[in-house]
PDB file of N, CA and C in Angstrom:
ATOM      1  N   MET A   1     -38.190-119.458-151.737  1.00  0.00           N
ATOM      2  CA  MET A   1     -39.437-118.962-151.365  1.00  0.00           C
ATOM      3  C   MET A   1     -40.472-119.486-150.520  1.00  0.00           C
ATOM      4  N   VAL A   2     -41.022-118.761-149.328  1.00  0.00           N
ATOM      5  CA  VAL A   2     -41.762-119.463-148.700  1.00  0.00           C
ATOM      6  C   VAL A   2     -43.361-118.194-148.183  1.00  0.00           C
ATOM      7  N   VAL A   3     -44.000-118.363-148.040  1.00  0.00           N
ATOM      8  CA  VAL A   3     -45.356-117.696-148.142  1.00  0.00           C
ATOM      9  C   VAL A   3     -45.862-117.980-146.898  1.00  0.00           C
ATOM     10  N   GLY A   4     -46.213-117.272-145.987  1.00  0.00           N
ATOM     11  CA  GLY A   4     -47.077-117.179-145.257  1.00  0.00           C
ATOM     12  C   GLY A   4     -46.671-117.111-143.342  1.00  0.00           C
ATOM     13  N   GLY A   5     -47.198-117.347-142.938  1.00  0.00           N
ATOM     14  CA  GLY A   5     -47.676-117.410-141.290  1.00  0.00           C
ATOM     15  C   GLY A   5     -47.464-118.203-140.366  1.00  0.00           C
ATOM     16  N   GLY A   6     -48.228-118.977-141.126  1.00  0.00           N
ATOM     17  CA  GLY A   6     -48.408-119.865-140.405  1.00  0.00           C
ATOM     18  C   GLY A   6     -48.027-121.826-139.834  1.00  0.00           C
ATOM     19  N   ASP A   7     -48.125-122.475-139.032  1.00  0.00           N
ATOM     20  CA  ASP A   7     -47.566-123.403-138.707  1.00  0.00           C
ATOM     21  C   ASP A   7     -47.078-124.137-139.746  1.00  0.00           C
ATOM     22  N   SER A   8     -47.696-124.061-140.063  1.00  0.00           N
ATOM     23  CA  SER A   8     -47.508-125.329-142.510  1.00  0.00           C
ATOM     24  C   SER A   8     -45.963-124.947-142.605  1.00  0.00           C
ATOM     25  N   ALA A   9     -46.500-123.463-143.430  1.00  0.00           N
ATOM     26  CA  ALA A   9     -45.083-122.282-143.454  1.00  0.00           C
ATOM     27  C   ALA A   9     -44.355-122.444-142.431  1.00  0.00           C
ATOM     28  N   ILE A  10     -44.034-122.166-141.336  1.00  0.00           N
ATOM     29  CA  ILE A  10     -42.541-122.033-140.549  1.00  0.00           C
ATOM     30  C   ILE A  10     -41.768-123.429-140.726  1.00  0.00           C
ATOM     31  N   GLU A  11     -42.515-124.836-140.752  1.00  0.00           N
ATOM     32  CA  GLU A  11     -41.796-125.937-140.780  1.00  0.00           C
ATOM     33  C   GLU A  11     -41.954-126.018-142.262  1.00  0.00           C
ATOM     34  N   SER A  12     -41.816-125.641-143.438  1.00  0.00           N
ATOM     35  CA  SER A  12     -41.167-126.543-144.410  1.00  0.00           C
ATOM     36  C   SER A  12     -40.419-125.302-144.871  1.00  0.00           C
ATOM     37  N   ALA A  13     -39.920-124.367-144.422  1.00  0.00           N
ATOM     38  CA  ALA A  13     -39.053-123.274-144.405  1.00  0.00           C
ATOM     39  C   ALA A  13     -38.186-123.635-143.729  1.00  0.00           C
ATOM     40  N   LEU A  14     -38.017-124.511-142.682  1.00  0.00           N
ATOM     41  CA  LEU A  14     -37.392-124.669-142.046  1.00  0.00           C
ATOM     42  C   LEU A  14     -36.294-126.158-142.294  1.00  0.00           C
ATOM     43  N   LEU A  15     -37.511-127.078-142.571  1.00  0.00           N
ATOM     44  CA  LEU A  15     -37.302-127.956-143.163  1.00  0.00           C
ATOM     45  C   LEU A  15     -36.804-127.460-144.549  1.00  0.00           C
ATOM     46  N   LEU A  16     -36.916-127.165-146.024  1.00  0.00           N
ATOM     47  CA  LEU A  16     -35.776-126.425-146.706  1.00  0.00           C
ATOM     48  C   LEU A  16     -34.701-125.981-146.664  1.00  0.00           C
ATOM     49  N   VAL A  17     -34.522-125.176-145.945  1.00  0.00           N
ATOM     50  CA  VAL A  17     -33.294-124.946-145.195  1.00  0.00           C
ATOM     51  C   VAL A  17     -32.658-125.092-145.417  1.00  0.00           C
ATOM     52  N   GLU A  18     -32.170-126.990-144.888  1.00  0.00           N
ATOM     53  CA  GLU A  18     -31.005-127.379-144.753  1.00  0.00           C
ATOM     54  C   GLU A  18     -30.123-127.371-146.305  1.00  0.00           C
ATOM     55  N   ASN A  19     -30.840-127.272-147.542  1.00  0.00           N
ATOM     56  CA  ASN A  19     -30.323-127.692-149.293  1.00  0.00           C
ATOM     57  C   ASN A  19     -30.597-126.506-149.974  1.00  0.00           C
ATOM     58  N   ASN A  20     -31.122-125.257-149.081  1.00  0.00           N
ATOM     59  CA  ASN A  20     -31.070-123.985-149.913  1.00  0.00           C
ATOM     60  C   ASN A  20     -30.977-122.623-149.065  1.00  0.00           C
ATOM     61  N   GLU A  21     -31.246-121.914-149.847  1.00  0.00           N
ATOM     62  CA  GLU A  21     -31.453-120.654-149.464  1.00  0.00           C
ATOM     63  C   GLU A  21     -32.415-120.237-149.307  1.00  0.00           C
ATOM     64  N   VAL A  22     -33.498-119.743-148.054  1.00  0.00           N
ATOM     65  CA  VAL A  22     -35.023-119.500-148.495  1.00  0.00           C
ATOM     66  C   VAL A  22     -34.832-118.429-147.446  1.00  0.00           C
ATOM     67  N   THR A  23     -35.995-117.347-148.017  1.00  0.00           N
ATOM     68  CA  THR A  23     -36.916-116.512-148.221  1.00  0.00           C
ATOM     69  C   THR A  23     -38.130-116.883-147.518  1.00  0.00           C
ATOM     70  N   LEU A  24     -38.379-116.007-145.919  1.00  0.00           N
ATOM     71  CA  LEU A  24     -39.851-116.461-145.718  1.00  0.00           C
ATOM     72  C   LEU A  24     -40.585-114.733-145.972  1.00  0.00           C
ATOM     73  N   SER A  25     -41.915-114.702-146.466  1.00  0.00           N
ATOM     74  CA  SER A  25     -42.828-113.589-146.748  1.00  0.00           C
ATOM     75  C   SER A  25     -43.966-114.201-145.776  1.00  0.00           C
ATOM     76  N   TYR A  26     -44.004-112.883-144.679  1.00  0.00           N
ATOM     77  CA  TYR A  26     -45.284-112.542-144.151  1.00  0.00           C
ATOM     78  C   TYR A  26     -45.876-111.520-143.775  1.00  0.00           C
ATOM     79  N   ARG A  27     -47.244-111.497-144.237  1.00  0.00           N
ATOM     80  CA  ARG A  27     -47.406-110.453-144.759  1.00  0.00           C
ATOM     81  C   ARG A  27     -47.706-109.190-142.973  1.00  0.00           C
ATOM     82  N   SER A  28     -48.014-109.852-142.032  1.00  0.00           N
ATOM     83  CA  SER A  28     -47.705-109.011-140.703  1.00  0.00           C
ATOM     84  C   SER A  28     -46.029-108.723-139.492  1.00  0.00           C
ATOM     85  N   GLU A  29     -46.366-108.368-138.938  1.00  0.00           N
ATOM     86  CA  GLU A  29     -45.232-107.884-138.175  1.00  0.00           C
ATOM     87  C   GLU A  29     -44.313-109.016-137.524  1.00  0.00           C
ATOM     88  N   LYS A  30     -45.524-110.085-136.823  1.00  0.00           N
ATOM     89  CA  LYS A  30     -44.994-110.497-136.243  1.00  0.00           C
ATOM     90  C   LYS A  30     -46.075-111.497-136.207  1.00  0.00           C
ATOM     91  N   PHE A  31     -44.958-112.480-135.743  1.00  0.00           N
ATOM     92  CA  PHE A  31     -46.442-113.922-135.858  1.00  0.00           C
ATOM     93  C   PHE A  31     -47.006-114.267-134.917  1.00  0.00           C
ATOM     94  N   SER A  32     -48.148-114.188-134.676  1.00  0.00           N
ATOM     95  CA  SER A  32     -48.900-114.396-133.940  1.00  0.00           C
ATOM     96  C   SER A  32     -49.924-116.185-133.207  1.00  0.00           C
ATOM     97  N   ARG A  33     -50.011-117.404-133.786  1.00  0.00           N
ATOM     98  CA  ARG A  33     -50.732-118.100-133.723  1.00  0.00           C
ATOM     99  C   ARG A  33     -49.285-119.368-133.724  1.00  0.00           C
ATOM    100  N   LEU A  34     -48.421-119.642-133.512  1.00  0.00           N
ATOM    101  CA  LEU A  34     -47.271-120.393-134.231  1.00  0.00           C
ATOM    102  C   LEU A  34     -47.994-121.751-132.800  1.00  0.00           C
ATOM    103  N   LYS A  35     -46.703-123.057-133.005  1.00  0.00           N
ATOM    104  CA  LYS A  35     -46.796-123.307-131.522  1.00  0.00           C
ATOM    105  C   LYS A  35     -45.498-123.032-130.876  1.00  0.00           C
ATOM    106  N   PRO A  36     -45.602-122.401-130.154  1.00  0.00           N
ATOM    107  CA  PRO A  36     -43.831-122.454-129.341  1.00  0.00           C
ATOM    108  C   PRO A  36     -43.243-123.514-130.005  1.00  0.00           C
ATOM    109  N   LYS A  37     -42.368-124.616-130.285  1.00  0.00           N
ATOM    110  CA  LYS A  37     -41.530-124.384-131.014  1.00  0.00           C
ATOM    111  C   LYS A  37     -41.035-124.213-132.502  1.00  0.00           C
ATOM    112  N   ASN A  38     -41.859-123.710-133.247  1.00  0.00           N
ATOM    113  CA  ASN A  38     -41.788-122.717-134.288  1.00  0.00           C
ATOM    114  C   ASN A  38     -42.066-121.620-134.080  1.00  0.00           C
ATOM    115  N   SER A  39     -41.877-121.231-132.976  1.00  0.00           N
ATOM    116  CA  SER A  39     -42.070-120.221-133.336  1.00  0.00           C
ATOM    117  C   SER A  39     -40.278-119.498-132.553  1.00  0.00           C
ATOM    118  N   GLU A  40     -39.467-120.070-131.561  1.00  0.00           N
ATOM    119  CA  GLU A  40     -38.096-120.611-131.348  1.00  0.00           C
ATOM    120  C   GLU A  40     -37.552-120.899-132.315  1.00  0.00           C
ATOM    121  N   ASN A  41     -38.094-122.226-133.094  1.00  0.00           N
ATOM    122  CA  ASN A  41     -37.210-122.209-134.182  1.00  0.00           C
ATOM    123  C   ASN A  41     -36.391-121.201-135.318  1.00  0.00           C
ATOM    124  N   ILE A  42     -38.543-121.015-135.532  1.00  0.00           N
ATOM    125  CA  ILE A  42     -37.690-119.283-136.582  1.00  0.00           C
ATOM    126  C   ILE A  42     -37.161-118.265-136.570  1.00  0.00           C
ATOM    127  N   ASN A  43     -37.195-117.978-135.134  1.00  0.00           N
ATOM    128  CA  ASN A  43     -36.991-116.737-134.660  1.00  0.00           C
ATOM    129  C   ASN A  43     -35.631-117.652-134.402  1.00  0.00           C
ATOM    130  N   ASN A  44     -34.950-118.292-133.501  1.00  0.00           N
ATOM    131  CA  ASN A  44     -33.247-118.856-134.115  1.00  0.00           C
ATOM    132  C   ASN A  44     -32.796-118.463-135.243  1.00  0.00           C
ATOM    133  N   ALA A  45     -33.382-119.459-136.246  1.00  0.00           N
ATOM    134  CA  ALA A  45     -33.089-119.046-137.768  1.00  0.00           C
ATOM    135  C   ALA A  45     -32.491-118.082-139.295  1.00  0.00           C
ATOM    136  N   ALA A  46     -33.641-117.228-138.298  1.00  0.00           N
ATOM    137  CA  ALA A  46     -33.625-115.444-138.496  1.00  0.00           C
ATOM    138  C   ALA A  46     -32.103-114.997-137.936  1.00  0.00           C
ATOM    139  N   LYS A  47     -32.374-114.884-136.536  1.00  0.00           N
ATOM    140  CA  LYS A  47     -31.234-114.417-135.758  1.00  0.00           C
ATOM    141  C   LYS A  47     -30.363-115.615-135.986  1.00  0.00           C
ATOM    142  N   THR A  48     -29.756-116.384-137.025  1.00  0.00           N
ATOM    143  CA  THR A  48     -28.188-117.184-137.450  1.00  0.00           C
ATOM    144  C   THR A  48     -28.255-117.133-139.196  1.00  0.00           C
ATOM    145  N   ASN A  49     -29.151-116.603-139.353  1.00  0.00           N
ATOM    146  CA  ASN A  49     -28.965-116.003-141.381  1.00  0.00           C
ATOM    147  C   ASN A  49     -28.985-117.034-141.117  1.00  0.00           C
ATOM    148  N   LYS A  50     -30.012-118.154-140.962  1.00  0.00           N
ATOM    149  CA  LYS A  50     -30.361-119.532-141.397  1.00  0.00           C
ATOM    150  C   LYS A  50     -31.453-119.051-142.594  1.00  0.00           C
ATOM    151  N   ILE A  51     -32.463-118.522-142.846  1.00  0.00           N
ATOM    152  CA  ILE A  51     -33.398-117.638-142.545  1.00  0.00           C
ATOM    153  C   ILE A  51     -34.078-116.251-143.143  1.00  0.00           C
ATOM    154  N   ASN A  52     -33.541-115.363-144.380  1.00  0.00           N
ATOM    155  CA  ASN A  52     -34.104-114.184-144.637  1.00  0.00           C
ATOM    156  C   ASN A  52     -35.763-114.555-144.067  1.00  0.00           C
ATOM    157  N   LEU A  53     -35.735-113.593-143.289  1.00  0.00           N
ATOM    158  CA  LEU A  53     -37.133-113.407-142.638  1.00  0.00           C
ATOM    159  C   LEU A  53     -37.267-112.169-143.278  1.00  0.00           C
ATOM    160  N   ILE A  54     -38.554-111.832-143.915  1.00  0.00           N
ATOM    161  CA  ILE A  54     -39.213-110.269-144.499  1.00  0.00           C
ATOM    162  C   ILE A  54     -40.595-110.485-143.956  1.00  0.00           C
ATOM    163  N   LEU A  55     -40.760-109.742-142.932  1.00  0.00           N
ATOM    164  CA  LEU A  55     -42.185-109.287-142.155  1.00  0.00           C
ATOM    165  C   LEU A  55     -42.431-107.901-142.909  1.00  0.00           C
ATOM    166  N   GLU A  56     -43.798-107.864-142.486  1.00  0.00           N
ATOM    167  CA  GLU A  56     -45.000-106.776-143.231  1.00  0.00           C
ATOM    168  C   GLU A  56     -44.706-106.803-145.279  1.00  0.00           C
ATOM    169  N   SER A  57     -44.693-108.620-145.568  1.00  0.00           N
ATOM    170  CA  SER A  57     -44.801-108.089-146.535  1.00  0.00           C
ATOM    171  C   SER A  57     -45.064-108.742-147.520  1.00  0.00           C
ATOM    172  N   ASN A  58     -45.822-108.690-148.489  1.00  0.00           N
ATOM    173  CA  ASN A  58     -46.531-108.725-149.702  1.00  0.00           C
ATOM    174  C   ASN A  58     -46.183-109.761-151.197  1.00  0.00           C
ATOM    175  N   VAL A  59     -46.713-110.881-151.268  1.00  0.00           N
ATOM    176  CA  VAL A  59     -45.907-110.834-152.762  1.00  0.00           C
ATOM    177  C   VAL A  59     -46.708-110.289-154.060  1.00  0.00           C
ATOM    178  N   GLN A  60     -46.200-109.340-155.062  1.00  0.00           N
ATOM    179  CA  GLN A  60     -46.929-108.677-156.044  1.00  0.00           C
ATOM    180  C   GLN A  60     -47.491-109.621-156.985  1.00  0.00           C
ATOM    181  N   LEU A  61     -45.401-110.075-156.982  1.00  0.00           N
ATOM    182  CA  LEU A  61     -45.241-110.949-158.639  1.00  0.00           C
ATOM    183  C   LEU A  61     -44.434-111.937-158.662  1.00  0.00           C
ATOM    184  N   ILE A  62     -45.336-113.546-159.376  1.00  0.00           N
ATOM    185  CA  ILE A  62     -43.896-114.043-159.229  1.00  0.00           C
ATOM    186  C   ILE A  62     -43.392-113.966-160.919  1.00  0.00           C
ATOM    187  N   ARG A  63     -42.707-113.744-161.047  1.00  0.00           N
ATOM    188  CA  ARG A  63     -42.391-114.062-162.492  1.00  0.00           C
ATOM    189  C   ARG A  63     -40.884-116.146-162.659  1.00  0.00           C
ATOM    190  N   GLU A  64     -40.615-116.570-163.578  1.00  0.00           N
ATOM    191  CA  GLU A  64     -40.374-117.092-163.774  1.00  0.00           C
ATOM    192  C   GLU A  64     -38.633-117.579-162.802  1.00  0.00           C
ATOM    193  N   ASN A  65     -37.719-116.181-162.919  1.00  0.00           N
ATOM    194  CA  ASN A  65     -37.182-116.725-161.950  1.00  0.00           C
ATOM    195  C   ASN A  65     -36.574-115.402-160.337  1.00  0.00           C
ATOM    196  N   SER A  66     -37.686-114.924-160.323  1.00  0.00           N
ATOM    197  CA  SER A  66     -37.940-113.831-159.572  1.00  0.00           C
ATOM    198  C   SER A  66     -38.760-113.677-159.014  1.00  0.00           C
ATOM    199  N   VAL A  67     -39.308-113.202-157.713  1.00  0.00           N
ATOM    200  CA  VAL A  67     -40.571-112.639-156.819  1.00  0.00           C
ATOM    201  C   VAL A  67     -40.201-111.309-156.822  1.00  0.00           C
ATOM    202  N   ILE A  68     -41.217-110.398-157.273  1.00  0.00           N
ATOM    203  CA  ILE A  68     -41.266-109.244-155.801  1.00  0.00           C
ATOM    204  C   ILE A  68     -42.433-108.878-155.343  1.00  0.00           C
ATOM    205  N   LEU A  69     -41.578-108.359-154.043  1.00  0.00           N
ATOM    206  CA  LEU A  69     -42.398-107.987-152.494  1.00  0.00           C
ATOM    207  C   LEU A  69     -42.882-107.008-152.091  1.00  0.00           C
ATOM    208  N   GLN A  70     -43.691-106.335-152.003  1.00  0.00           N
ATOM    209  CA  GLN A  70     -43.674-104.778-151.931  1.00  0.00           C
ATOM    210  C   GLN A  70     -44.659-104.817-150.028  1.00  0.00           C
ATOM    211  N   LEU A  71     -43.396-104.344-149.937  1.00  0.00           N
ATOM    212  CA  LEU A  71     -43.359-103.500-148.731  1.00  0.00           C
ATOM    213  C   LEU A  71     -43.912-103.117-147.798  1.00  0.00           C
ATOM    214  N   LYS A  72     -44.208-102.991-146.850  1.00  0.00           N
ATOM    215  CA  LYS A  72     -45.260-102.189-145.884  1.00  0.00           C
ATOM    216  C   LYS A  72     -44.387-100.442-146.065  1.00  0.00           C
ATOM    217  N   SER A  73     -43.647-100.781-146.307  1.00  0.00           N
ATOM    218  CA  SER A  73     -43.499 -98.809-146.739  1.00  0.00           C
ATOM    219  C   SER A  73     -43.688 -98.066-148.227  1.00  0.00           C
ATOM    220  N   GLY A  74     -44.357 -99.043-148.543  1.00  0.00           N
ATOM    221  CA  GLY A  74     -44.221 -98.965-150.119  1.00  0.00           C
ATOM    222  C   GLY A  74     -43.004 -99.836-151.183  1.00  0.00           C
ATOM    223  N   GLU A  75     -41.973 -99.674-150.812  1.00  0.00           N
ATOM    224  CA  GLU A  75     -40.693-100.340-151.596  1.00  0.00           C
ATOM    225  C   GLU A  75     -41.232-101.188-151.685  1.00  0.00           C
ATOM    226  N   GLU A  76     -40.289-101.575-152.812  1.00  0.00           N
ATOM    227  CA  GLU A  76     -40.563-103.191-154.214  1.00  0.00           C
ATOM    228  C   GLU A  76     -39.534-103.912-153.495  1.00  0.00           C
ATOM    229  N   LEU A  77     -39.293-105.277-153.221  1.00  0.00           N
ATOM    230  CA  LEU A  77     -38.179-105.351-152.906  1.00  0.00           C
ATOM    231  C   LEU A  77     -38.183-106.715-154.210  1.00  0.00           C
ATOM    232  N   ASN A  78     -37.428-106.718-155.224  1.00  0.00           N
ATOM    233  CA  ASN A  78     -37.287-108.209-156.491  1.00  0.00           C
ATOM    234  C   ASN A  78     -35.843-108.934-155.963  1.00  0.00           C
ATOM    235  N   LEU A  79     -36.378-109.996-155.784  1.00  0.00           N
ATOM    236  CA  LEU A  79     -35.365-110.984-155.347  1.00  0.00           C
ATOM    237  C   LEU A  79     -35.554-112.399-156.209  1.00  0.00           C
ATOM    238  N   THR A  80     -34.069-113.152-156.720  1.00  0.00           N
ATOM    239  CA  THR A  80     -34.489-114.071-157.763  1.00  0.00           C
ATOM    240  C   THR A  80     -34.351-114.789-156.762  1.00  0.00           C
ATOM    241  N   ASN A  81     -35.274-115.698-157.144  1.00  0.00           N
ATOM    242  CA  ASN A  81     -35.733-117.092-156.587  1.00  0.00           C
ATOM    243  C   ASN A  81     -35.795-118.150-157.692  1.00  0.00           C
ATOM    244  N   ASP A  82     -36.103-119.334-157.457  1.00  0.00           N
ATOM    245  CA  ASP A  82     -36.330-120.499-158.937  1.00  0.00           C
ATOM    246  C   ASP A  82     -37.614-120.526-157.786  1.00  0.00           C
ATOM    247  N   LEU A  83     -38.354-121.073-156.838  1.00  0.00           N
ATOM    248  CA  LEU A  83     -39.281-121.867-156.111  1.00  0.00           C
ATOM    249  C   LEU A  83     -40.084-121.126-155.603  1.00  0.00           C
ATOM    250  N   VAL A  84     -41.139-120.988-156.227  1.00  0.00           N
ATOM    251  CA  VAL A  84     -42.199-120.374-154.142  1.00  0.00           C
ATOM    252  C   VAL A  84     -43.445-121.244-154.137  1.00  0.00           C
ATOM    253  N   TYR A  85     -43.528-121.382-152.222  1.00  0.00           N
ATOM    254  CA  TYR A  85     -44.600-122.425-151.953  1.00  0.00           C
ATOM    255  C   TYR A  85     -45.133-121.824-150.785  1.00  0.00           C
ATOM    256  N   ILE A  86     -46.827-121.436-151.488  1.00  0.00           N
ATOM    257  CA  ILE A  86     -47.152-120.719-150.171  1.00  0.00           C
ATOM    258  C   ILE A  86     -48.272-121.295-149.714  1.00  0.00           C
ATOM    259  N   PHE A  87     -47.980-120.528-148.673  1.00  0.00           N
ATOM    260  CA  PHE A  87     -48.664-121.352-147.614  1.00  0.00           C
ATOM    261  C   PHE A  87     -50.225-120.149-146.882  1.00  0.00           C
ATOM    262  N   ALA A  88     -50.628-119.903-147.627  1.00  0.00           N
ATOM    263  CA  ALA A  88     -52.000-119.063-147.439  1.00  0.00           C
ATOM    264  C   ALA A  88     -53.682-119.201-146.967  1.00  0.00           C
ATOM    265  N   GLY A  89     -53.200-118.314-146.158  1.00  0.00           N
ATOM    266  CA  GLY A  89     -55.299-119.404-145.090  1.00  0.00           C
ATOM    267  C   GLY A  89     -55.961-118.372-146.542  1.00  0.00           C
ATOM    268  N   GLY A  90     -57.399-118.614-146.026  1.00  0.00           N
ATOM    269  CA  GLY A  90     -58.598-118.222-147.125  1.00  0.00           C
ATOM    270  C   GLY A  90     -59.312-118.325-146.316  1.00  0.00           C
ATOM    271  N   GLU A  91     -60.507-118.288-147.281  1.00  0.00           N
ATOM    272  CA  GLU A  91     -61.715-118.475-147.074  1.00  0.00           C
ATOM    273  C   GLU A  91     -62.706-119.782-147.407  1.00  0.00           C
ATOM    274  N   LEU A  92     -63.084-120.647-146.797  1.00  0.00           N
ATOM    275  CA  LEU A  92     -63.445-122.014-146.870  1.00  0.00           C
ATOM    276  C   LEU A  92     -64.514-121.562-148.843  1.00  0.00           C
ATOM    277  N   PRO A  93     -64.236-122.966-148.893  1.00  0.00           N
ATOM    278  CA  PRO A  93     -64.352-122.782-150.318  1.00  0.00           C
ATOM    279  C   PRO A  93     -65.429-123.675-150.140  1.00  0.00           C
ATOM    280  N   THR A  94     -66.515-122.940-149.348  1.00  0.00           N
ATOM    281  CA  THR A  94     -68.351-123.635-148.865  1.00  0.00           C
ATOM    282  C   THR A  94     -69.034-124.055-150.283  1.00  0.00           C
ATOM    283  N   GLN A  95     -68.945-123.236-150.915  1.00  0.00           N
ATOM    284  CA  GLN A  95     -69.938-123.959-152.558  1.00  0.00           C
ATOM    285  C   GLN A  95     -69.707-124.674-152.824  1.00  0.00           C
ATOM    286  N   PHE A  96     -68.025-124.581-152.819  1.00  0.00           N
ATOM    287  CA  PHE A  96     -67.246-126.106-153.950  1.00  0.00           C
ATOM    288  C   PHE A  96     -67.631-127.492-152.292  1.00  0.00           C
ATOM    289  N   LEU A  97     -67.557-127.941-151.548  1.00  0.00           N
ATOM    290  CA  LEU A  97     -67.483-128.450-151.041  1.00  0.00           C
ATOM    291  C   LEU A  97     -69.045-128.944-150.475  1.00  0.00           C
ATOM    292  N   GLU A  98     -70.110-127.802-150.620  1.00  0.00           N
ATOM    293  CA  GLU A  98     -71.375-128.494-150.397  1.00  0.00           C
ATOM    294  C   GLU A  98     -71.864-129.028-151.995  1.00  0.00           C
ATOM    295  N   LYS A  99     -71.436-128.711-152.611  1.00  0.00           N
ATOM    296  CA  LYS A  99     -71.407-129.333-153.987  1.00  0.00           C
ATOM    297  C   LYS A  99     -70.845-131.471-154.013  1.00  0.00           C
ATOM    298  N   THR A 100     -70.102-131.239-152.980  1.00  0.00           N
ATOM    299  CA  THR A 100     -69.399-132.305-153.715  1.00  0.00           C
ATOM    300  C   THR A 100     -70.033-133.694-152.208  1.00  0.00           C
ATOM    301  N   GLY A 101     -71.188-132.858-151.706  1.00  0.00           N
ATOM    302  CA  GLY A 101     -71.446-133.130-150.234  1.00  0.00           C
ATOM    303  C   GLY A 101     -70.845-133.491-148.849  1.00  0.00           C
ATOM    304  N   ILE A 102     -70.382-132.478-149.006  1.00  0.00           N
ATOM    305  CA  ILE A 102     -69.597-132.231-147.469  1.00  0.00           C
ATOM    306  C   ILE A 102     -70.818-130.631-146.480  1.00  0.00           C
ATOM    307  N   GLN A 103     -70.629-131.205-145.793  1.00  0.00           N
ATOM    308  CA  GLN A 103     -71.748-130.561-144.992  1.00  0.00           C
ATOM    309  C   GLN A 103     -70.985-129.451-144.047  1.00  0.00           C
ATOM    310  N   ILE A 104     -71.600-128.444-144.024  1.00  0.00           N
ATOM    311  CA  ILE A 104     -70.609-127.464-143.018  1.00  0.00           C
ATOM    312  C   ILE A 104     -71.519-126.540-142.282  1.00  0.00           C
ATOM    313  N   SER A 105     -71.036-126.340-140.997  1.00  0.00           N
ATOM    314  CA  SER A 105     -72.444-126.167-139.737  1.00  0.00           C
ATOM    315  C   SER A 105     -70.815-125.533-138.959  1.00  0.00           C
ATOM    316  N   LYS A 106     -71.076-124.302-138.220  1.00  0.00           N
ATOM    317  CA  LYS A 106     -70.304-123.612-137.657  1.00  0.00           C
ATOM    318  C   LYS A 106     -70.733-123.706-135.725  1.00  0.00           C
ATOM    319  N   ARG A 107     -69.767-124.251-134.943  1.00  0.00           N
ATOM    320  CA  ARG A 107     -70.242-123.930-133.607  1.00  0.00           C
ATOM    321  C   ARG A 107     -69.174-123.805-133.058  1.00  0.00           C
ATOM    322  N   PHE A 108     -69.558-122.698-131.659  1.00  0.00           N
ATOM    323  CA  PHE A 108     -68.369-122.429-131.621  1.00  0.00           C
ATOM    324  C   PHE A 108     -67.588-122.101-131.603  1.00  0.00           C
ATOM    325  N   ASN A 109     -67.815-121.625-132.721  1.00  0.00           N
ATOM    326  CA  ASN A 109     -66.778-120.308-133.644  1.00  0.00           C
ATOM    327  C   ASN A 109     -65.653-121.670-134.228  1.00  0.00           C
ATOM    328  N   TYR A 110     -65.713-122.594-134.536  1.00  0.00           N
ATOM    329  CA  TYR A 110     -65.336-123.982-135.539  1.00  0.00           C
ATOM    330  C   TYR A 110     -65.899-124.390-136.903  1.00  0.00           C
ATOM    331  N   THR A 111     -65.459-124.155-137.284  1.00  0.00           N
ATOM    332  CA  THR A 111     -66.142-124.849-138.839  1.00  0.00           C
ATOM    333  C   THR A 111     -66.050-126.306-138.944  1.00  0.00           C
ATOM    334  N   LEU A 112     -67.154-127.033-138.821  1.00  0.00           N
ATOM    335  CA  LEU A 112     -67.147-128.515-138.628  1.00  0.00           C
ATOM    336  C   LEU A 112     -67.958-129.128-140.380  1.00  0.00           C
ATOM    337  N   LEU A 113     -66.866-130.031-140.491  1.00  0.00           N
ATOM    338  CA  LEU A 113     -67.304-130.904-141.760  1.00  0.00           C
ATOM    339  C   LEU A 113     -67.255-132.175-141.642  1.00  0.00           C
ATOM    340  N   SER A 114     -68.269-132.497-142.667  1.00  0.00           N
ATOM    341  CA  SER A 114     -69.174-134.017-142.342  1.00  0.00           C
ATOM    342  C   SER A 114     -69.166-134.637-143.645  1.00  0.00           C
ATOM    343  N   HIS A 115     -69.277-135.386-143.777  1.00  0.00           N
ATOM    344  CA  HIS A 115     -69.839-135.856-145.935  1.00  0.00           C
ATOM    345  C   HIS A 115     -71.301-136.548-145.540  1.00  0.00           C
ATOM    346  N   LYS A 116     -72.311-136.227-146.205  1.00  0.00           N
ATOM    347  CA  LYS A 116     -73.537-136.400-146.112  1.00  0.00           C
ATOM    348  C   LYS A 116     -73.472-138.103-146.671  1.00  0.00           C
ATOM    349  N   LYS A 117     -74.078-138.701-145.740  1.00  0.00           N
ATOM    350  CA  LYS A 117     -73.959-140.374-146.788  1.00  0.00           C
ATOM    351  C   LYS A 117     -75.113-139.639-147.041  1.00  0.00           C
TER     352      LYS A 117
END
C-alpha cells in the first residue's frame, strides 16, 4: 500500500510494481500537481491493472496484515497488506525546526529555510 498523491508517492508506487502487488490510496478524486510523466505513468499503470488505484480514500486503520480505507461513499474497504508507505504532505514542523537553529521565513508564497550560523 502506498498512500499519497504527490510525485514521491507515484514514483515509489511505480518502482514497487515490478515485484509487488501495489495499491495506491489517494484522498482526492484526481491528481493535481504531478509532473506530466508521472501523471502519464500512473494513469497507464492503473488502466493496465498494474496498480490498484483507489481515489477518494483515506486510511482509517493500519493493522499488522491489513489496511482499512474509508471511501468517499462512507464504505470501508478492508485490504490485505504487508507494508504501508505513507507519502502524505503536512504542515512544516516550524517550532521544532526553529529550536534546531533553522530560520524560517515566507516570501512570495514559498517557505525558505536557512541554518543560523
